[in-house]
Amino acid sequence: MTKPRFNKGDAADAMQMIATVLDGVLNKDISDGKYGFVLLVFEREGETGSRTSYVSNCQRQDVIAALKEVTARFEGQPRTEGHA
C-alpha cells in the first residue's frame, strides 16, 4: 500500500496544525510563550532554493538567529553518516 502524497497546500495546513499543537504543548502553562520553535519541511528531492517551508511561533529575526546557531553547531561537528 502506498502512502498518499501531500501537495503544498496539504503540507501548509498540516504544518499549521502541528504548530498549534506544539505551541500548546511547549507553552501550556506559560503565559509569556517562553519556548519558541520553528518547523522546517522540505521535499528531500525538491529543487534547491524553493523546497523549504517553515512555520514558527517566533518573530522572523528570532528564527534566523536560531537557524544560524544550529548551522554553526552542525558545521562544527564532524561529518556523520545516517539519519537522526
PDB file of N, CA and C in Angstrom:
ATOM      1  N   MET A   1       0.844  -1.181   0.000  1.00  0.00           N
ATOM      2  CA  MET A   1       0.000   0.000   0.000  1.00  0.00           C
ATOM      3  C   MET A   1       0.889   1.243   0.000  1.00  0.00           C
ATOM      4  N   THR A   2       0.637   2.157  -0.898  1.00  0.00           N
ATOM      5  CA  THR A   2       1.440   3.373  -0.966  1.00  0.00           C
ATOM      6  C   THR A   2       0.818   4.470  -0.109  1.00  0.00           C
ATOM      7  N   LYS A   3       1.691   5.313   0.422  1.00  0.00           N
ATOM      8  CA  LYS A   3       1.227   6.442   1.229  1.00  0.00           C
ATOM      9  C   LYS A   3       0.708   7.529   0.304  1.00  0.00           C
ATOM     10  N   PRO A   4      -0.367   8.215   0.699  1.00  0.00           N
ATOM     11  CA  PRO A   4      -0.822   9.338  -0.113  1.00  0.00           C
ATOM     12  C   PRO A   4       0.196  10.469  -0.062  1.00  0.00           C
ATOM     13  N   ARG A   5       0.372  11.161  -1.162  1.00  0.00           N
ATOM     14  CA  ARG A   5       1.334  12.260  -1.225  1.00  0.00           C
ATOM     15  C   ARG A   5       0.637  13.565  -0.889  1.00  0.00           C
ATOM     16  N   PHE A   6       1.312  14.385  -0.130  1.00  0.00           N
ATOM     17  CA  PHE A   6       0.819  15.722   0.168  1.00  0.00           C
ATOM     18  C   PHE A   6       1.135  16.642  -0.980  1.00  0.00           C
ATOM     19  N   ASN A   7       0.266  17.600  -1.216  1.00  0.00           N
ATOM     20  CA  ASN A   7       0.642  18.696  -2.096  1.00  0.00           C
ATOM     21  C   ASN A   7       1.021  19.858  -1.191  1.00  0.00           C
ATOM     22  N   LYS A   8       1.486  20.967  -1.760  1.00  0.00           N
ATOM     23  CA  LYS A   8       1.948  22.089  -0.937  1.00  0.00           C
ATOM     24  C   LYS A   8       0.850  22.627  -0.035  1.00  0.00           C
ATOM     25  N   GLY A   9      -0.367  22.687  -0.512  1.00  0.00           N
ATOM     26  CA  GLY A   9      -1.465  23.176   0.313  1.00  0.00           C
ATOM     27  C   GLY A   9      -1.741  22.268   1.493  1.00  0.00           C
ATOM     28  N   ASP A  10      -1.709  20.953   1.252  1.00  0.00           N
ATOM     29  CA  ASP A  10      -1.898  19.994   2.339  1.00  0.00           C
ATOM     30  C   ASP A  10      -0.790  20.123   3.370  1.00  0.00           C
ATOM     31  N   ALA A  11       0.437  20.256   2.896  1.00  0.00           N
ATOM     32  CA  ALA A  11       1.578  20.373   3.802  1.00  0.00           C
ATOM     33  C   ALA A  11       1.468  21.643   4.633  1.00  0.00           C
ATOM     34  N   ALA A  12       1.065  22.742   4.027  1.00  0.00           N
ATOM     35  CA  ALA A  12       0.921  24.006   4.758  1.00  0.00           C
ATOM     36  C   ALA A  12      -0.149  23.881   5.839  1.00  0.00           C
ATOM     37  N   ASP A  13      -1.263  23.241   5.512  1.00  0.00           N
ATOM     38  CA  ASP A  13      -2.325  23.031   6.501  1.00  0.00           C
ATOM     39  C   ASP A  13      -1.836  22.138   7.635  1.00  0.00           C
ATOM     40  N   ALA A  14      -1.135  21.071   7.296  1.00  0.00           N
ATOM     41  CA  ALA A  14      -0.611  20.159   8.312  1.00  0.00           C
ATOM     42  C   ALA A  14       0.390  20.869   9.209  1.00  0.00           C
ATOM     43  N   MET A  15       1.241  21.686   8.609  1.00  0.00           N
ATOM     44  CA  MET A  15       2.237  22.423   9.393  1.00  0.00           C
ATOM     45  C   MET A  15       1.569  23.372  10.383  1.00  0.00           C
ATOM     46  N   GLN A  16       0.509  24.037   9.968  1.00  0.00           N
ATOM     47  CA  GLN A  16      -0.210  24.943  10.869  1.00  0.00           C
ATOM     48  C   GLN A  16      -0.825  24.170  12.036  1.00  0.00           C
ATOM     49  N   MET A  17      -1.395  23.015  11.756  1.00  0.00           N
ATOM     50  CA  MET A  17      -1.981  22.197  12.825  1.00  0.00           C
ATOM     51  C   MET A  17      -0.896  21.716  13.795  1.00  0.00           C
ATOM     52  N   ILE A  18       0.221  21.257  13.253  1.00  0.00           N
ATOM     53  CA  ILE A  18       1.333  20.799  14.091  1.00  0.00           C
ATOM     54  C   ILE A  18       1.847  21.945  14.952  1.00  0.00           C
ATOM     55  N   ALA A  19       1.975  23.130  14.358  1.00  0.00           N
ATOM     56  CA  ALA A  19       2.469  24.301  15.100  1.00  0.00           C
ATOM     57  C   ALA A  19       1.543  24.663  16.251  1.00  0.00           C
ATOM     58  N   THR A  20       0.262  24.611  16.014  1.00  0.00           N
ATOM     59  CA  THR A  20      -0.709  24.921  17.069  1.00  0.00           C
ATOM     60  C   THR A  20      -0.576  23.947  18.229  1.00  0.00           C
ATOM     61  N   VAL A  21      -0.481  22.659  17.902  1.00  0.00           N
ATOM     62  CA  VAL A  21      -0.351  21.631  18.944  1.00  0.00           C
ATOM     63  C   VAL A  21       0.991  21.777  19.669  1.00  0.00           C
ATOM     64  N   LEU A  22       2.067  21.946  18.920  1.00  0.00           N
ATOM     65  CA  LEU A  22       3.398  22.056  19.518  1.00  0.00           C
ATOM     66  C   LEU A  22       3.497  23.263  20.447  1.00  0.00           C
ATOM     67  N   ASP A  23       2.967  24.390  20.022  1.00  0.00           N
ATOM     68  CA  ASP A  23       2.983  25.582  20.863  1.00  0.00           C
ATOM     69  C   ASP A  23       2.182  25.338  22.141  1.00  0.00           C
ATOM     70  N   GLY A  24       1.052  24.663  22.005  1.00  0.00           N
ATOM     71  CA  GLY A  24       0.245  24.348  23.176  1.00  0.00           C
ATOM     72  C   GLY A  24       0.954  23.428  24.155  1.00  0.00           C
ATOM     73  N   VAL A  25       1.721  22.491  23.638  1.00  0.00           N
ATOM     74  CA  VAL A  25       2.461  21.563  24.495  1.00  0.00           C
ATOM     75  C   VAL A  25       3.639  22.279  25.162  1.00  0.00           C
ATOM     76  N   LEU A  26       4.416  23.007  24.385  1.00  0.00           N
ATOM     77  CA  LEU A  26       5.607  23.669  24.923  1.00  0.00           C
ATOM     78  C   LEU A  26       5.276  24.798  25.889  1.00  0.00           C
ATOM     79  N   ASN A  27       4.205  25.507  25.609  1.00  0.00           N
ATOM     80  CA  ASN A  27       3.877  26.706  26.383  1.00  0.00           C
ATOM     81  C   ASN A  27       2.550  26.575  27.116  1.00  0.00           C
ATOM     82  N   LYS A  28       2.210  25.350  27.496  1.00  0.00           N
ATOM     83  CA  LYS A  28       0.910  25.047  28.101  1.00  0.00           C
ATOM     84  C   LYS A  28       0.567  25.952  29.279  1.00  0.00           C
ATOM     85  N   ASP A  29       1.458  26.068  30.235  1.00  0.00           N
ATOM     86  CA  ASP A  29       1.183  26.844  31.441  1.00  0.00           C
ATOM     87  C   ASP A  29       2.033  28.103  31.527  1.00  0.00           C
ATOM     88  N   ILE A  30       2.497  28.579  30.383  1.00  0.00           N
ATOM     89  CA  ILE A  30       3.401  29.733  30.372  1.00  0.00           C
ATOM     90  C   ILE A  30       2.751  30.848  29.565  1.00  0.00           C
ATOM     91  N   SER A  31       2.377  31.909  30.242  1.00  0.00           N
ATOM     92  CA  SER A  31       1.649  32.981  29.559  1.00  0.00           C
ATOM     93  C   SER A  31       2.531  33.791  28.622  1.00  0.00           C
ATOM     94  N   ASP A  32       3.844  33.816  28.846  1.00  0.00           N
ATOM     95  CA  ASP A  32       4.716  34.635  28.005  1.00  0.00           C
ATOM     96  C   ASP A  32       5.272  33.899  26.793  1.00  0.00           C
ATOM     97  N   GLY A  33       4.856  32.648  26.562  1.00  0.00           N
ATOM     98  CA  GLY A  33       5.353  31.897  25.412  1.00  0.00           C
ATOM     99  C   GLY A  33       6.858  31.743  25.453  1.00  0.00           C
ATOM    100  N   LYS A  34       7.379  31.268  26.565  1.00  0.00           N
ATOM    101  CA  LYS A  34       8.820  31.176  26.797  1.00  0.00           C
ATOM    102  C   LYS A  34       9.551  30.365  25.726  1.00  0.00           C
ATOM    103  N   TYR A  35       8.933  29.311  25.240  1.00  0.00           N
ATOM    104  CA  TYR A  35       9.616  28.419  24.309  1.00  0.00           C
ATOM    105  C   TYR A  35       9.212  28.712  22.868  1.00  0.00           C
ATOM    106  N   GLY A  36      10.224  28.942  22.067  1.00  0.00           N
ATOM    107  CA  GLY A  36       9.998  29.175  20.646  1.00  0.00           C
ATOM    108  C   GLY A  36      10.370  27.943  19.850  1.00  0.00           C
ATOM    109  N   PHE A  37       9.831  27.857  18.650  1.00  0.00           N
ATOM    110  CA  PHE A  37      10.180  26.751  17.768  1.00  0.00           C
ATOM    111  C   PHE A  37      10.037  27.190  16.324  1.00  0.00           C
ATOM    112  N   VAL A  38      10.678  26.439  15.474  1.00  0.00           N
ATOM    113  CA  VAL A  38      10.496  26.564  14.035  1.00  0.00           C
ATOM    114  C   VAL A  38      10.447  25.146  13.471  1.00  0.00           C
ATOM    115  N   LEU A  39       9.476  24.902  12.629  1.00  0.00           N
ATOM    116  CA  LEU A  39       9.329  23.615  11.962  1.00  0.00           C
ATOM    117  C   LEU A  39       9.677  23.819  10.493  1.00  0.00           C
ATOM    118  N   LEU A  40      10.685  23.111  10.032  1.00  0.00           N
ATOM    119  CA  LEU A  40      11.101  23.171   8.626  1.00  0.00           C
ATOM    120  C   LEU A  40      10.597  21.924   7.915  1.00  0.00           C
ATOM    121  N   VAL A  41      10.014  22.110   6.747  1.00  0.00           N
ATOM    122  CA  VAL A  41       9.522  20.989   5.950  1.00  0.00           C
ATOM    123  C   VAL A  41      10.011  21.191   4.521  1.00  0.00           C
ATOM    124  N   PHE A  42      10.581  20.127   3.955  1.00  0.00           N
ATOM    125  CA  PHE A  42      11.091  20.212   2.585  1.00  0.00           C
ATOM    126  C   PHE A  42      10.980  18.860   1.908  1.00  0.00           C
ATOM    127  N   GLU A  43      10.925  18.911   0.600  1.00  0.00           N
ATOM    128  CA  GLU A  43      10.947  17.675  -0.179  1.00  0.00           C
ATOM    129  C   GLU A  43      12.394  17.235  -0.298  1.00  0.00           C
ATOM    130  N   ARG A  44      12.647  16.008   0.039  1.00  0.00           N
ATOM    131  CA  ARG A  44      14.030  15.520   0.001  1.00  0.00           C
ATOM    132  C   ARG A  44      14.643  15.635  -1.387  1.00  0.00           C
ATOM    133  N   GLU A  45      13.844  15.468  -2.394  1.00  0.00           N
ATOM    134  CA  GLU A  45      14.342  15.531  -3.770  1.00  0.00           C
ATOM    135  C   GLU A  45      13.891  16.814  -4.458  1.00  0.00           C
ATOM    136  N   GLY A  46      13.463  17.789  -3.678  1.00  0.00           N
ATOM    137  CA  GLY A  46      12.955  19.035  -4.245  1.00  0.00           C
ATOM    138  C   GLY A  46      14.043  19.886  -4.871  1.00  0.00           C
ATOM    139  N   GLU A  47      13.613  20.860  -5.632  1.00  0.00           N
ATOM    140  CA  GLU A  47      14.531  21.767  -6.306  1.00  0.00           C
ATOM    141  C   GLU A  47      15.184  22.692  -5.274  1.00  0.00           C
ATOM    142  N   THR A  48      16.505  22.791  -5.318  1.00  0.00           N
ATOM    143  CA  THR A  48      17.243  23.628  -4.383  1.00  0.00           C
ATOM    144  C   THR A  48      16.796  25.076  -4.497  1.00  0.00           C
ATOM    145  N   GLY A  49      16.606  25.706  -3.354  1.00  0.00           N
ATOM    146  CA  GLY A  49      16.235  27.116  -3.329  1.00  0.00           C
ATOM    147  C   GLY A  49      14.750  27.372  -3.236  1.00  0.00           C
ATOM    148  N   SER A  50      13.941  26.376  -3.495  1.00  0.00           N
ATOM    149  CA  SER A  50      12.496  26.594  -3.443  1.00  0.00           C
ATOM    150  C   SER A  50      11.786  25.445  -2.742  1.00  0.00           C
ATOM    151  N   ARG A  51      12.518  24.702  -1.923  1.00  0.00           N
ATOM    152  CA  ARG A  51      11.920  23.497  -1.390  1.00  0.00           C
ATOM    153  C   ARG A  51      11.616  23.519   0.093  1.00  0.00           C
ATOM    154  N   THR A  52      12.021  24.549   0.837  1.00  0.00           N
ATOM    155  CA  THR A  52      11.825  24.542   2.281  1.00  0.00           C
ATOM    156  C   THR A  52      10.720  25.504   2.689  1.00  0.00           C
ATOM    157  N   SER A  53       9.795  24.993   3.480  1.00  0.00           N
ATOM    158  CA  SER A  53       8.736  25.806   4.065  1.00  0.00           C
ATOM    159  C   SER A  53       8.931  25.777   5.570  1.00  0.00           C
ATOM    160  N   TYR A  54       8.464  26.824   6.248  1.00  0.00           N
ATOM    161  CA  TYR A  54       8.578  26.810   7.697  1.00  0.00           C
ATOM    162  C   TYR A  54       7.366  27.435   8.339  1.00  0.00           C
ATOM    163  N   VAL A  55       7.156  27.067   9.609  1.00  0.00           N
ATOM    164  CA  VAL A  55       6.147  27.682  10.447  1.00  0.00           C
ATOM    165  C   VAL A  55       6.795  27.833  11.822  1.00  0.00           C
ATOM    166  N   SER A  56       6.464  28.907  12.516  1.00  0.00           N
ATOM    167  CA  SER A  56       7.093  29.191  13.793  1.00  0.00           C
ATOM    168  C   SER A  56       6.152  29.976  14.689  1.00  0.00           C
ATOM    169  N   ASN A  57       6.461  29.991  15.967  1.00  0.00           N
ATOM    170  CA  ASN A  57       5.730  30.840  16.892  1.00  0.00           C
ATOM    171  C   ASN A  57       6.571  32.052  17.298  1.00  0.00           C
ATOM    172  N   CYS A  58       7.627  32.325  16.529  1.00  0.00           N
ATOM    173  CA  CYS A  58       8.564  33.411  16.826  1.00  0.00           C
ATOM    174  C   CYS A  58       8.576  34.451  15.706  1.00  0.00           C
ATOM    175  N   GLN A  59       9.207  35.561  16.021  1.00  0.00           N
ATOM    176  CA  GLN A  59       9.448  36.570  15.004  1.00  0.00           C
ATOM    177  C   GLN A  59      10.516  36.052  14.036  1.00  0.00           C
ATOM    178  N   ARG A  60      10.475  36.532  12.811  1.00  0.00           N
ATOM    179  CA  ARG A  60      11.404  36.047  11.795  1.00  0.00           C
ATOM    180  C   ARG A  60      12.863  36.218  12.214  1.00  0.00           C
ATOM    181  N   GLN A  61      13.210  37.347  12.823  1.00  0.00           N
ATOM    182  CA  GLN A  61      14.601  37.578  13.223  1.00  0.00           C
ATOM    183  C   GLN A  61      15.056  36.568  14.282  1.00  0.00           C
ATOM    184  N   ASP A  62      14.133  36.102  15.124  1.00  0.00           N
ATOM    185  CA  ASP A  62      14.471  35.077  16.109  1.00  0.00           C
ATOM    186  C   ASP A  62      14.705  33.729  15.440  1.00  0.00           C
ATOM    187  N   VAL A  63      13.924  33.437  14.414  1.00  0.00           N
ATOM    188  CA  VAL A  63      14.112  32.196  13.656  1.00  0.00           C
ATOM    189  C   VAL A  63      15.467  32.222  12.960  1.00  0.00           C
ATOM    190  N   ILE A  64      15.810  33.354  12.351  1.00  0.00           N
ATOM    191  CA  ILE A  64      17.098  33.482  11.662  1.00  0.00           C
ATOM    192  C   ILE A  64      18.245  33.271  12.647  1.00  0.00           C
ATOM    193  N   ALA A  65      18.156  33.875  13.825  1.00  0.00           N
ATOM    194  CA  ALA A  65      19.204  33.699  14.841  1.00  0.00           C
ATOM    195  C   ALA A  65      19.318  32.235  15.256  1.00  0.00           C
ATOM    196  N   ALA A  66      18.187  31.568  15.457  1.00  0.00           N
ATOM    197  CA  ALA A  66      18.205  30.156  15.848  1.00  0.00           C
ATOM    198  C   ALA A  66      18.807  29.287  14.743  1.00  0.00           C
ATOM    199  N   LEU A  67      18.447  29.574  13.496  1.00  0.00           N
ATOM    200  CA  LEU A  67      18.993  28.790  12.388  1.00  0.00           C
ATOM    201  C   LEU A  67      20.498  28.997  12.246  1.00  0.00           C
ATOM    202  N   LYS A  68      20.968  30.222  12.460  1.00  0.00           N
ATOM    203  CA  LYS A  68      22.412  30.486  12.413  1.00  0.00           C
ATOM    204  C   LYS A  68      23.128  29.714  13.517  1.00  0.00           C
ATOM    205  N   GLU A  69      22.539  29.676  14.701  1.00  0.00           N
ATOM    206  CA  GLU A  69      23.129  28.947  15.819  1.00  0.00           C
ATOM    207  C   GLU A  69      23.225  27.458  15.504  1.00  0.00           C
ATOM    208  N   VAL A  70      22.139  26.895  14.989  1.00  0.00           N
ATOM    209  CA  VAL A  70      22.125  25.468  14.669  1.00  0.00           C
ATOM    210  C   VAL A  70      23.084  25.162  13.519  1.00  0.00           C
ATOM    211  N   THR A  71      23.126  26.025  12.514  1.00  0.00           N
ATOM    212  CA  THR A  71      24.040  25.817  11.393  1.00  0.00           C
ATOM    213  C   THR A  71      25.487  25.819  11.863  1.00  0.00           C
ATOM    214  N   ALA A  72      25.837  26.775  12.720  1.00  0.00           N
ATOM    215  CA  ALA A  72      27.199  26.830  13.246  1.00  0.00           C
ATOM    216  C   ALA A  72      27.516  25.568  14.034  1.00  0.00           C
ATOM    217  N   ARG A  73      26.555  25.089  14.805  1.00  0.00           N
ATOM    218  CA  ARG A  73      26.756  23.867  15.583  1.00  0.00           C
ATOM    219  C   ARG A  73      26.945  22.674  14.650  1.00  0.00           C
ATOM    220  N   PHE A  74      26.094  22.565  13.615  1.00  0.00           N
ATOM    221  CA  PHE A  74      26.215  21.453  12.664  1.00  0.00           C
ATOM    222  C   PHE A  74      27.549  21.511  11.929  1.00  0.00           C
ATOM    223  N   GLU A  75      27.943  22.695  11.494  1.00  0.00           N
ATOM    224  CA  GLU A  75      29.176  22.822  10.721  1.00  0.00           C
ATOM    225  C   GLU A  75      30.415  22.583  11.565  1.00  0.00           C
ATOM    226  N   GLY A  76      30.315  22.724  12.874  1.00  0.00           N
ATOM    227  CA  GLY A  76      31.430  22.482  13.759  1.00  0.00           C
ATOM    228  C   GLY A  76      31.573  21.037  14.180  1.00  0.00           C
ATOM    229  N   GLN A  77      30.577  20.219  13.828  1.00  0.00           N
ATOM    230  CA  GLN A  77      30.615  18.812  14.215  1.00  0.00           C
ATOM    231  C   GLN A  77      31.271  17.988  13.112  1.00  0.00           C
ATOM    232  N   PRO A  78      31.886  16.887  13.503  1.00  0.00           N
ATOM    233  CA  PRO A  78      32.442  16.007  12.467  1.00  0.00           C
ATOM    234  C   PRO A  78      31.332  15.425  11.612  1.00  0.00           C
ATOM    235  N   ARG A  79      31.646  15.158  10.378  1.00  0.00           N
ATOM    236  CA  ARG A  79      30.656  14.600   9.457  1.00  0.00           C
ATOM    237  C   ARG A  79      30.263  13.196   9.899  1.00  0.00           C
ATOM    238  N   THR A  80      28.962  12.937   9.884  1.00  0.00           N
ATOM    239  CA  THR A  80      28.468  11.609  10.250  1.00  0.00           C
ATOM    240  C   THR A  80      27.579  11.079   9.148  1.00  0.00           C
ATOM    241  N   GLU A  81      27.407   9.799   9.149  1.00  0.00           N
ATOM    242  CA  GLU A  81      26.526   9.150   8.181  1.00  0.00           C
ATOM    243  C   GLU A  81      25.244   8.723   8.857  1.00  0.00           C
ATOM    244  N   GLY A  82      24.197   8.543   8.080  1.00  0.00           N
ATOM    245  CA  GLY A  82      22.946   8.032   8.618  1.00  0.00           C
ATOM    246  C   GLY A  82      21.930   9.101   8.856  1.00  0.00           C
ATOM    247  N   HIS A  83      20.860   8.719   9.505  1.00  0.00           N
ATOM    248  CA  HIS A  83      19.733   9.601   9.783  1.00  0.00           C
ATOM    249  C   HIS A  83      19.535   9.705  11.282  1.00  0.00           C
ATOM    250  N   ALA A  84      19.101  10.881  11.712  1.00  0.00           N
ATOM    251  CA  ALA A  84      18.855  11.065  13.141  1.00  0.00           C
ATOM    252  C   ALA A  84      17.371  11.157  13.403  1.00  0.00           C
TER     253      ALA A  84
END
